[in-house]
PDB file of N, CA and C in Angstrom:
ATOM      1  N   MET A   1       8.441  -4.144   1.406  1.00  0.00           N
ATOM      2  CA  MET A   1       7.878  -5.470   1.522  1.00  0.00           C
ATOM      3  C   MET A   1       6.452  -5.406   2.072  1.00  0.00           C
ATOM      4  N   LYS A   2       6.248  -4.544   3.070  1.00  0.00           N
ATOM      5  CA  LYS A   2       4.907  -4.398   3.632  1.00  0.00           C
ATOM      6  C   LYS A   2       3.938  -3.895   2.570  1.00  0.00           C
ATOM      7  N   ARG A   3       4.429  -3.040   1.680  1.00  0.00           N
ATOM      8  CA  ARG A   3       3.583  -2.481   0.633  1.00  0.00           C
ATOM      9  C   ARG A   3       3.128  -3.574  -0.332  1.00  0.00           C
ATOM     10  N   ILE A   4       4.016  -4.502  -0.666  1.00  0.00           N
ATOM     11  CA  ILE A   4       3.669  -5.606  -1.558  1.00  0.00           C
ATOM     12  C   ILE A   4       2.637  -6.510  -0.902  1.00  0.00           C
ATOM     13  N   ILE A   5       2.848  -6.853   0.356  1.00  0.00           N
ATOM     14  CA  ILE A   5       1.900  -7.710   1.075  1.00  0.00           C
ATOM     15  C   ILE A   5       0.543  -7.032   1.166  1.00  0.00           C
ATOM     16  N   PHE A   6       0.531  -5.741   1.472  1.00  0.00           N
ATOM     17  CA  PHE A   6      -0.724  -4.994   1.543  1.00  0.00           C
ATOM     18  C   PHE A   6      -1.417  -4.986   0.177  1.00  0.00           C
ATOM     19  N   SER A   7      -0.649  -4.790  -0.897  1.00  0.00           N
ATOM     20  CA  SER A   7      -1.215  -4.768  -2.246  1.00  0.00           C
ATOM     21  C   SER A   7      -1.856  -6.102  -2.597  1.00  0.00           C
ATOM     22  N   ILE A   8      -1.170  -7.181  -2.274  1.00  0.00           N
ATOM     23  CA  ILE A   8      -1.710  -8.513  -2.561  1.00  0.00           C
ATOM     24  C   ILE A   8      -3.013  -8.733  -1.801  1.00  0.00           C
ATOM     25  N   ALA A   9      -3.020  -8.396  -0.533  1.00  0.00           N
ATOM     26  CA  ALA A   9      -4.228  -8.565   0.281  1.00  0.00           C
ATOM     27  C   ALA A   9      -5.379  -7.720  -0.256  1.00  0.00           C
ATOM     28  N   LEU A  10      -5.081  -6.498  -0.643  1.00  0.00           N
ATOM     29  CA  LEU A  10      -6.105  -5.602  -1.161  1.00  0.00           C
ATOM     30  C   LEU A  10      -6.669  -6.122  -2.478  1.00  0.00           C
ATOM     31  N   VAL A  11      -5.810  -6.596  -3.356  1.00  0.00           N
ATOM     32  CA  VAL A  11      -6.270  -7.159  -4.629  1.00  0.00           C
ATOM     33  C   VAL A  11      -7.205  -8.331  -4.381  1.00  0.00           C
ATOM     34  N   LEU A  12      -6.823  -9.215  -3.488  1.00  0.00           N
ATOM     35  CA  LEU A  12      -7.639 -10.400  -3.221  1.00  0.00           C
ATOM     36  C   LEU A  12      -8.972 -10.055  -2.579  1.00  0.00           C
ATOM     37  N   LEU A  13      -9.002  -9.056  -1.743  1.00  0.00           N
ATOM     38  CA  LEU A  13     -10.239  -8.692  -1.050  1.00  0.00           C
ATOM     39  C   LEU A  13     -11.211  -7.906  -1.910  1.00  0.00           C
ATOM     40  N   VAL A  14     -10.708  -6.999  -2.730  1.00  0.00           N
ATOM     41  CA  VAL A  14     -11.580  -6.071  -3.429  1.00  0.00           C
ATOM     42  C   VAL A  14     -11.809  -6.422  -4.895  1.00  0.00           C
ATOM     43  N   ALA A  15     -10.893  -7.112  -5.510  1.00  0.00           N
ATOM     44  CA  ALA A  15     -10.980  -7.350  -6.952  1.00  0.00           C
ATOM     45  C   ALA A  15     -12.135  -8.254  -7.353  1.00  0.00           C
ATOM     46  N   ALA A  16     -12.762  -8.913  -6.419  1.00  0.00           N
ATOM     47  CA  ALA A  16     -13.886  -9.790  -6.748  1.00  0.00           C
ATOM     48  C   ALA A  16     -15.050  -9.016  -7.354  1.00  0.00           C
ATOM     49  N   CYS A  17     -15.039  -7.700  -7.255  1.00  0.00           N
ATOM     50  CA  CYS A  17     -16.111  -6.884  -7.806  1.00  0.00           C
ATOM     51  C   CYS A  17     -15.950  -6.646  -9.301  1.00  0.00           C
ATOM     52  N   SER A  18     -14.822  -6.971  -9.866  1.00  0.00           N
ATOM     53  CA  SER A  18     -14.567  -6.736 -11.280  1.00  0.00           C
ATOM     54  C   SER A  18     -15.311  -7.744 -12.145  1.00  0.00           C
ATOM     55  N   ARG A  19     -15.641  -7.328 -13.362  1.00  0.00           N
ATOM     56  CA  ARG A  19     -16.290  -8.228 -14.321  1.00  0.00           C
ATOM     57  C   ARG A  19     -15.374  -9.381 -14.694  1.00  0.00           C
ATOM     58  N   GLY A  20     -14.076  -9.182 -14.594  1.00  0.00           N
ATOM     59  CA  GLY A  20     -13.133 -10.194 -15.027  1.00  0.00           C
ATOM     60  C   GLY A  20     -12.766 -11.229 -13.984  1.00  0.00           C
ATOM     61  N   HIS A  21     -13.223 -11.087 -12.765  1.00  0.00           N
ATOM     62  CA  HIS A  21     -12.817 -11.994 -11.689  1.00  0.00           C
ATOM     63  C   HIS A  21     -13.558 -13.321 -11.779  1.00  0.00           C
ATOM     64  N   ASP A  22     -12.809 -14.425 -11.777  1.00  0.00           N
ATOM     65  CA  ASP A  22     -13.472 -15.731 -11.787  1.00  0.00           C
ATOM     66  C   ASP A  22     -12.996 -16.643 -10.661  1.00  0.00           C
ATOM     67  N   GLY A  23     -12.323 -16.078  -9.659  1.00  0.00           N
ATOM     68  CA  GLY A  23     -11.985 -16.853  -8.481  1.00  0.00           C
ATOM     69  C   GLY A  23     -10.640 -17.531  -8.491  1.00  0.00           C
ATOM     70  N   GLY A  24      -9.810 -17.304  -9.498  1.00  0.00           N
ATOM     71  CA  GLY A  24      -8.497 -17.936  -9.542  1.00  0.00           C
ATOM     72  C   GLY A  24      -7.485 -17.222  -8.658  1.00  0.00           C
ATOM     73  N   GLU A  25      -6.284 -17.807  -8.538  1.00  0.00           N
ATOM     74  CA  GLU A  25      -5.198 -17.184  -7.783  1.00  0.00           C
ATOM     75  C   GLU A  25      -4.527 -16.116  -8.638  1.00  0.00           C
ATOM     76  N   TYR A  26      -3.613 -15.367  -8.011  1.00  0.00           N
ATOM     77  CA  TYR A  26      -2.901 -14.303  -8.705  1.00  0.00           C
ATOM     78  C   TYR A  26      -1.407 -14.595  -8.690  1.00  0.00           C
ATOM     79  N   VAL A  27      -0.710 -14.110  -9.726  1.00  0.00           N
ATOM     80  CA  VAL A  27       0.731 -14.263  -9.809  1.00  0.00           C
ATOM     81  C   VAL A  27       1.332 -12.905 -10.170  1.00  0.00           C
ATOM     82  N   TRP A  28       2.487 -12.608  -9.587  1.00  0.00           N
ATOM     83  CA  TRP A  28       3.194 -11.354  -9.827  1.00  0.00           C
ATOM     84  C   TRP A  28       3.747 -11.368 -11.254  1.00  0.00           C
ATOM     85  N   ILE A  29       3.441 -10.342 -12.038  1.00  0.00           N
ATOM     86  CA  ILE A  29       3.959 -10.236 -13.404  1.00  0.00           C
ATOM     87  C   ILE A  29       4.868  -9.028 -13.572  1.00  0.00           C
ATOM     88  N   GLY A  30       5.015  -8.231 -12.525  1.00  0.00           N
ATOM     89  CA  GLY A  30       5.814  -7.010 -12.631  1.00  0.00           C
ATOM     90  C   GLY A  30       4.983  -5.894 -13.255  1.00  0.00           C
ATOM     91  N   CYS A  31       5.609  -4.777 -13.490  1.00  0.00           N
ATOM     92  CA  CYS A  31       4.911  -3.599 -14.005  1.00  0.00           C
ATOM     93  C   CYS A  31       4.484  -3.793 -15.460  1.00  0.00           C
ATOM     94  N   HIS A  32       3.192  -3.600 -15.721  1.00  0.00           N
ATOM     95  CA  HIS A  32       2.631  -3.631 -17.071  1.00  0.00           C
ATOM     96  C   HIS A  32       1.677  -2.445 -17.219  1.00  0.00           C
ATOM     97  N   VAL A  33       1.644  -1.830 -18.399  1.00  0.00           N
ATOM     98  CA  VAL A  33       0.755  -0.708 -18.689  1.00  0.00           C
ATOM     99  C   VAL A  33      -0.409  -1.225 -19.537  1.00  0.00           C
ATOM    100  N   VAL A  34      -1.634  -0.928 -19.114  1.00  0.00           N
ATOM    101  CA  VAL A  34      -2.834  -1.383 -19.818  1.00  0.00           C
ATOM    102  C   VAL A  34      -2.940  -0.675 -21.169  1.00  0.00           C
ATOM    103  N   HIS A  35      -3.121  -1.459 -22.230  1.00  0.00           N
ATOM    104  CA  HIS A  35      -3.325  -0.888 -23.568  1.00  0.00           C
ATOM    105  C   HIS A  35      -4.720  -1.163 -24.101  1.00  0.00           C
ATOM    106  N   THR A  36      -5.409  -2.168 -23.584  1.00  0.00           N
ATOM    107  CA  THR A  36      -6.752  -2.535 -24.026  1.00  0.00           C
ATOM    108  C   THR A  36      -7.512  -3.103 -22.835  1.00  0.00           C
ATOM    109  N   ASN A  37      -8.721  -2.631 -22.601  1.00  0.00           N
ATOM    110  CA  ASN A  37      -9.524  -3.191 -21.521  1.00  0.00           C
ATOM    111  C   ASN A  37     -11.009  -2.993 -21.803  1.00  0.00           C
ATOM    112  N   PRO A  38     -11.741  -4.064 -22.031  1.00  0.00           N
ATOM    113  CA  PRO A  38     -11.312  -5.452 -22.063  1.00  0.00           C
ATOM    114  C   PRO A  38     -10.682  -5.801 -23.403  1.00  0.00           C
ATOM    115  N   ALA A  39      -9.942  -6.914 -23.424  1.00  0.00           N
ATOM    116  CA  ALA A  39      -9.407  -7.436 -24.679  1.00  0.00           C
ATOM    117  C   ALA A  39     -10.546  -8.145 -25.395  1.00  0.00           C
ATOM    118  N   ASP A  40     -10.611  -7.985 -26.695  1.00  0.00           N
ATOM    119  CA  ASP A  40     -11.707  -8.528 -27.498  1.00  0.00           C
ATOM    120  C   ASP A  40     -11.697 -10.051 -27.490  1.00  0.00           C
ATOM    121  N   CYS A  41     -12.830 -10.642 -27.199  1.00  0.00           N
ATOM    122  CA  CYS A  41     -12.951 -12.103 -27.122  1.00  0.00           C
ATOM    123  C   CYS A  41     -12.614 -12.794 -28.436  1.00  0.00           C
ATOM    124  N   LYS A  42     -12.927 -12.173 -29.539  1.00  0.00           N
ATOM    125  CA  LYS A  42     -12.703 -12.829 -30.829  1.00  0.00           C
ATOM    126  C   LYS A  42     -11.222 -13.078 -31.103  1.00  0.00           C
ATOM    127  N   ASP A  43     -10.328 -12.380 -30.375  1.00  0.00           N
ATOM    128  CA  ASP A  43      -8.888 -12.577 -30.534  1.00  0.00           C
ATOM    129  C   ASP A  43      -8.399 -13.840 -29.838  1.00  0.00           C
ATOM    130  N   TYR A  44      -9.257 -14.474 -29.048  1.00  0.00           N
ATOM    131  CA  TYR A  44      -8.872 -15.645 -28.279  1.00  0.00           C
ATOM    132  C   TYR A  44      -9.794 -16.797 -28.628  1.00  0.00           C
ATOM    133  N   PRO A  45      -9.466 -17.576 -29.662  1.00  0.00           N
ATOM    134  CA  PRO A  45     -10.338 -18.673 -30.100  1.00  0.00           C
ATOM    135  C   PRO A  45     -10.716 -19.612 -28.955  1.00  0.00           C
ATOM    136  N   GLY A  46     -11.957 -19.982 -28.939  1.00  0.00           N
ATOM    137  CA  GLY A  46     -12.442 -20.904 -27.911  1.00  0.00           C
ATOM    138  C   GLY A  46     -12.824 -20.206 -26.618  1.00  0.00           C
ATOM    139  N   SER A  47     -12.608 -18.905 -26.534  1.00  0.00           N
ATOM    140  CA  SER A  47     -12.944 -18.168 -25.320  1.00  0.00           C
ATOM    141  C   SER A  47     -14.412 -17.765 -25.363  1.00  0.00           C
ATOM    142  N   ASP A  48     -15.077 -17.869 -24.245  1.00  0.00           N
ATOM    143  CA  ASP A  48     -16.481 -17.482 -24.195  1.00  0.00           C
ATOM    144  C   ASP A  48     -16.676 -16.120 -23.533  1.00  0.00           C
ATOM    145  N   ARG A  49     -15.593 -15.440 -23.241  1.00  0.00           N
ATOM    146  CA  ARG A  49     -15.711 -14.122 -22.618  1.00  0.00           C
ATOM    147  C   ARG A  49     -14.456 -13.311 -22.872  1.00  0.00           C
ATOM    148  N   CYS A  50     -14.526 -12.054 -22.548  1.00  0.00           N
ATOM    149  CA  CYS A  50     -13.391 -11.159 -22.746  1.00  0.00           C
ATOM    150  C   CYS A  50     -12.430 -11.241 -21.565  1.00  0.00           C
ATOM    151  N   VAL A  51     -11.236 -10.704 -21.760  1.00  0.00           N
ATOM    152  CA  VAL A  51     -10.207 -10.667 -20.728  1.00  0.00           C
ATOM    153  C   VAL A  51     -10.127  -9.237 -20.220  1.00  0.00           C
ATOM    154  N   TYR A  52     -10.149  -9.048 -18.903  1.00  0.00           N
ATOM    155  CA  TYR A  52     -10.148  -7.721 -18.303  1.00  0.00           C
ATOM    156  C   TYR A  52      -8.879  -7.459 -17.501  1.00  0.00           C
ATOM    157  N   ALA A  53      -8.459  -6.196 -17.474  1.00  0.00           N
ATOM    158  CA  ALA A  53      -7.419  -5.739 -16.549  1.00  0.00           C
ATOM    159  C   ALA A  53      -8.159  -5.065 -15.395  1.00  0.00           C
ATOM    160  N   PHE A  54      -7.888  -5.512 -14.177  1.00  0.00           N
ATOM    161  CA  PHE A  54      -8.572  -4.922 -13.033  1.00  0.00           C
ATOM    162  C   PHE A  54      -7.661  -4.885 -11.827  1.00  0.00           C
ATOM    163  N   GLY A  55      -8.046  -4.067 -10.861  1.00  0.00           N
ATOM    164  CA  GLY A  55      -7.284  -3.926  -9.633  1.00  0.00           C
ATOM    165  C   GLY A  55      -8.223  -3.694  -8.472  1.00  0.00           C
ATOM    166  N   PRO A  56      -7.685  -3.323  -7.327  1.00  0.00           N
ATOM    167  CA  PRO A  56      -8.510  -3.123  -6.133  1.00  0.00           C
ATOM    168  C   PRO A  56      -9.611  -2.086  -6.320  1.00  0.00           C
ATOM    169  N   GLU A  57      -9.363  -1.122  -7.192  1.00  0.00           N
ATOM    170  CA  GLU A  57     -10.351  -0.056  -7.392  1.00  0.00           C
ATOM    171  C   GLU A  57     -11.343  -0.381  -8.497  1.00  0.00           C
ATOM    172  N   GLY A  58     -11.229  -1.559  -9.111  1.00  0.00           N
ATOM    173  CA  GLY A  58     -12.133  -1.961 -10.194  1.00  0.00           C
ATOM    174  C   GLY A  58     -11.388  -2.091 -11.513  1.00  0.00           C
ATOM    175  N   ASP A  59     -12.128  -2.008 -12.618  1.00  0.00           N
ATOM    176  CA  ASP A  59     -11.523  -2.153 -13.937  1.00  0.00           C
ATOM    177  C   ASP A  59     -10.535  -1.016 -14.207  1.00  0.00           C
ATOM    178  N   LYS A  60      -9.408  -1.372 -14.791  1.00  0.00           N
ATOM    179  CA  LYS A  60      -8.352  -0.396 -15.103  1.00  0.00           C
ATOM    180  C   LYS A  60      -8.656   0.320 -16.409  1.00  0.00           C
ATOM    181  N   LYS A  61      -8.187   1.565 -16.495  1.00  0.00           N
ATOM    182  CA  LYS A  61      -8.305   2.357 -17.714  1.00  0.00           C
ATOM    183  C   LYS A  61      -7.006   2.233 -18.499  1.00  0.00           C
ATOM    184  N   VAL A  62      -7.085   2.478 -19.794  1.00  0.00           N
ATOM    185  CA  VAL A  62      -5.890   2.457 -20.639  1.00  0.00           C
ATOM    186  C   VAL A  62      -4.870   3.443 -20.069  1.00  0.00           C
ATOM    187  N   GLY A  63      -3.620   3.004 -19.953  1.00  0.00           N
ATOM    188  CA  GLY A  63      -2.546   3.842 -19.401  1.00  0.00           C
ATOM    189  C   GLY A  63      -2.254   3.559 -17.940  1.00  0.00           C
ATOM    190  N   GLU A  64      -3.182   2.927 -17.222  1.00  0.00           N
ATOM    191  CA  GLU A  64      -2.929   2.567 -15.826  1.00  0.00           C
ATOM    192  C   GLU A  64      -2.053   1.323 -15.776  1.00  0.00           C
ATOM    193  N   LYS A  65      -1.479   1.043 -14.612  1.00  0.00           N
ATOM    194  CA  LYS A  65      -0.543  -0.075 -14.462  1.00  0.00           C
ATOM    195  C   LYS A  65      -1.179  -1.240 -13.714  1.00  0.00           C
ATOM    196  N   ILE A  66      -0.748  -2.446 -14.093  1.00  0.00           N
ATOM    197  CA  ILE A  66      -1.110  -3.659 -13.363  1.00  0.00           C
ATOM    198  C   ILE A  66       0.183  -4.376 -12.992  1.00  0.00           C
ATOM    199  N   TYR A  67       0.121  -5.173 -11.931  1.00  0.00           N
ATOM    200  CA  TYR A  67       1.295  -5.889 -11.442  1.00  0.00           C
ATOM    201  C   TYR A  67       1.032  -7.379 -11.227  1.00  0.00           C
ATOM    202  N   PHE A  68      -0.229  -7.797 -11.322  1.00  0.00           N
ATOM    203  CA  PHE A  68      -0.616  -9.187 -11.085  1.00  0.00           C
ATOM    204  C   PHE A  68      -1.469  -9.699 -12.227  1.00  0.00           C
ATOM    205  N   LYS A  69      -1.420 -10.998 -12.467  1.00  0.00           N
ATOM    206  CA  LYS A  69      -2.305 -11.640 -13.434  1.00  0.00           C
ATOM    207  C   LYS A  69      -3.084 -12.719 -12.697  1.00  0.00           C
ATOM    208  N   GLN A  70      -4.377 -12.779 -12.975  1.00  0.00           N
ATOM    209  CA  GLN A  70      -5.202 -13.823 -12.376  1.00  0.00           C
ATOM    210  C   GLN A  70      -5.047 -15.103 -13.185  1.00  0.00           C
ATOM    211  N   LEU A  71      -4.849 -16.197 -12.490  1.00  0.00           N
ATOM    212  CA  LEU A  71      -4.725 -17.498 -13.133  1.00  0.00           C
ATOM    213  C   LEU A  71      -6.096 -18.155 -13.242  1.00  0.00           C
ATOM    214  N   ARG A  72      -6.236 -19.052 -14.181  1.00  0.00           N
ATOM    215  CA  ARG A  72      -7.477 -19.833 -14.273  1.00  0.00           C
ATOM    216  C   ARG A  72      -7.590 -20.725 -13.042  1.00  0.00           C
ATOM    217  N   LYS A  73      -8.794 -21.058 -12.670  1.00  0.00           N
ATOM    218  CA  LYS A  73      -8.988 -21.970 -11.535  1.00  0.00           C
ATOM    219  C   LYS A  73      -8.220 -23.253 -11.772  1.00  0.00           C
ATOM    220  N   GLY A  74      -7.454 -23.669 -10.779  1.00  0.00           N
ATOM    221  CA  GLY A  74      -6.691 -24.895 -10.866  1.00  0.00           C
ATOM    222  C   GLY A  74      -5.343 -24.757 -11.561  1.00  0.00           C
ATOM    223  N   GLN A  75      -5.052 -23.609 -12.172  1.00  0.00           N
ATOM    224  CA  GLN A  75      -3.772 -23.425 -12.852  1.00  0.00           C
ATOM    225  C   GLN A  75      -2.653 -23.305 -11.831  1.00  0.00           C
ATOM    226  N   ASP A  76      -1.543 -23.961 -12.092  1.00  0.00           N
ATOM    227  CA  ASP A  76      -0.392 -23.949 -11.202  1.00  0.00           C
ATOM    228  C   ASP A  76       0.300 -22.594 -11.264  1.00  0.00           C
ATOM    229  N   ARG A  77       0.390 -21.914 -10.144  1.00  0.00           N
ATOM    230  CA  ARG A  77       0.993 -20.578 -10.128  1.00  0.00           C
ATOM    231  C   ARG A  77       2.493 -20.619 -10.361  1.00  0.00           C
ATOM    232  N   TYR A  78       3.102 -21.786 -10.346  1.00  0.00           N
ATOM    233  CA  TYR A  78       4.537 -21.894 -10.592  1.00  0.00           C
ATOM    234  C   TYR A  78       4.832 -22.391 -12.008  1.00  0.00           C
ATOM    235  N   GLY A  79       3.796 -22.646 -12.783  1.00  0.00           N
ATOM    236  CA  GLY A  79       3.966 -23.085 -14.164  1.00  0.00           C
ATOM    237  C   GLY A  79       4.019 -21.889 -15.104  1.00  0.00           C
ATOM    238  N   PRO A  80       3.922 -22.128 -16.409  1.00  0.00           N
ATOM    239  CA  PRO A  80       3.941 -21.028 -17.380  1.00  0.00           C
ATOM    240  C   PRO A  80       2.742 -20.097 -17.179  1.00  0.00           C
ATOM    241  N   ILE A  81       2.979 -18.804 -17.288  1.00  0.00           N
ATOM    242  CA  ILE A  81       1.934 -17.815 -17.013  1.00  0.00           C
ATOM    243  C   ILE A  81       1.083 -17.535 -18.245  1.00  0.00           C
ATOM    244  N   GLY A  82       1.664 -17.456 -19.391  1.00  0.00           N
ATOM    245  CA  GLY A  82       0.902 -17.150 -20.606  1.00  0.00           C
ATOM    246  C   GLY A  82       0.905 -15.661 -20.900  1.00  0.00           C
ATOM    247  N   LYS A  83       0.371 -15.327 -22.054  1.00  0.00           N
ATOM    248  CA  LYS A  83       0.375 -13.954 -22.568  1.00  0.00           C
ATOM    249  C   LYS A  83      -0.459 -13.025 -21.688  1.00  0.00           C
ATOM    250  N   ILE A  84       0.027 -11.800 -21.521  1.00  0.00           N
ATOM    251  CA  ILE A  84      -0.745 -10.757 -20.843  1.00  0.00           C
ATOM    252  C   ILE A  84      -1.532 -10.044 -21.949  1.00  0.00           C
ATOM    253  N   ALA A  85      -2.816 -10.281 -22.013  1.00  0.00           N
ATOM    254  CA  ALA A  85      -3.627  -9.840 -23.148  1.00  0.00           C
ATOM    255  C   ALA A  85      -3.994  -8.356 -23.116  1.00  0.00           C
ATOM    256  N   THR A  86      -4.017  -7.754 -21.952  1.00  0.00           N
ATOM    257  CA  THR A  86      -4.523  -6.383 -21.843  1.00  0.00           C
ATOM    258  C   THR A  86      -3.438  -5.336 -21.630  1.00  0.00           C
ATOM    259  N   ALA A  87      -2.178  -5.756 -21.456  1.00  0.00           N
ATOM    260  CA  ALA A  87      -1.127  -4.798 -21.100  1.00  0.00           C
ATOM    261  C   ALA A  87       0.216  -5.201 -21.693  1.00  0.00           C
ATOM    262  N   ARG A  88       1.122  -4.236 -21.733  1.00  0.00           N
ATOM    263  CA  ARG A  88       2.489  -4.464 -22.190  1.00  0.00           C
ATOM    264  C   ARG A  88       3.445  -4.156 -21.042  1.00  0.00           C
ATOM    265  N   PRO A  89       4.655  -4.730 -21.044  1.00  0.00           N
ATOM    266  CA  PRO A  89       5.610  -4.430 -19.977  1.00  0.00           C
ATOM    267  C   PRO A  89       5.942  -2.932 -19.927  1.00  0.00           C
ATOM    268  N   CYS A  90       6.138  -2.418 -18.724  1.00  0.00           N
ATOM    269  CA  CYS A  90       6.533  -1.019 -18.543  1.00  0.00           C
ATOM    270  C   CYS A  90       7.925  -0.807 -19.118  1.00  0.00           C
ATOM    271  N   LYS A  91       8.145   0.377 -19.628  1.00  0.00           N
ATOM    272  CA  LYS A  91       9.486   0.756 -20.080  1.00  0.00           C
ATOM    273  C   LYS A  91      10.214   1.388 -18.911  1.00  0.00           C
ATOM    274  N   GLU A  92      11.537   1.423 -18.976  1.00  0.00           N
ATOM    275  CA  GLU A  92      12.333   1.989 -17.895  1.00  0.00           C
ATOM    276  C   GLU A  92      11.925   3.443 -17.640  1.00  0.00           C
ATOM    277  N   GLY A  93      11.668   3.774 -16.380  1.00  0.00           N
ATOM    278  CA  GLY A  93      11.281   5.121 -15.985  1.00  0.00           C
ATOM    279  C   GLY A  93       9.802   5.423 -16.152  1.00  0.00           C
ATOM    280  N   GLU A  94       9.031   4.472 -16.585  1.00  0.00           N
ATOM    281  CA  GLU A  94       7.599   4.682 -16.819  1.00  0.00           C
ATOM    282  C   GLU A  94       6.802   4.453 -15.553  1.00  0.00           C
TER     283      GLU A  94
END
């Protein structure tokens, strides 16, 4: 439990340095493996920028894991989360 709390605090403190950070809250999504970073903007109609996978150490590389998704400003963290554009769920034992 302490590890999760520490991880959340670290993400919030350090992740602001990433290109993908826009100041929203974070929600736990469980283990996901990055397959694309950044995700191409043209795949998301109406988007004016790309979607990034990032963590406390900065932008994630393909094959690294993420556990949180940043929500848009004002988005309800208890509502629907939406598609994870840069990663897929981890497989058992991964």
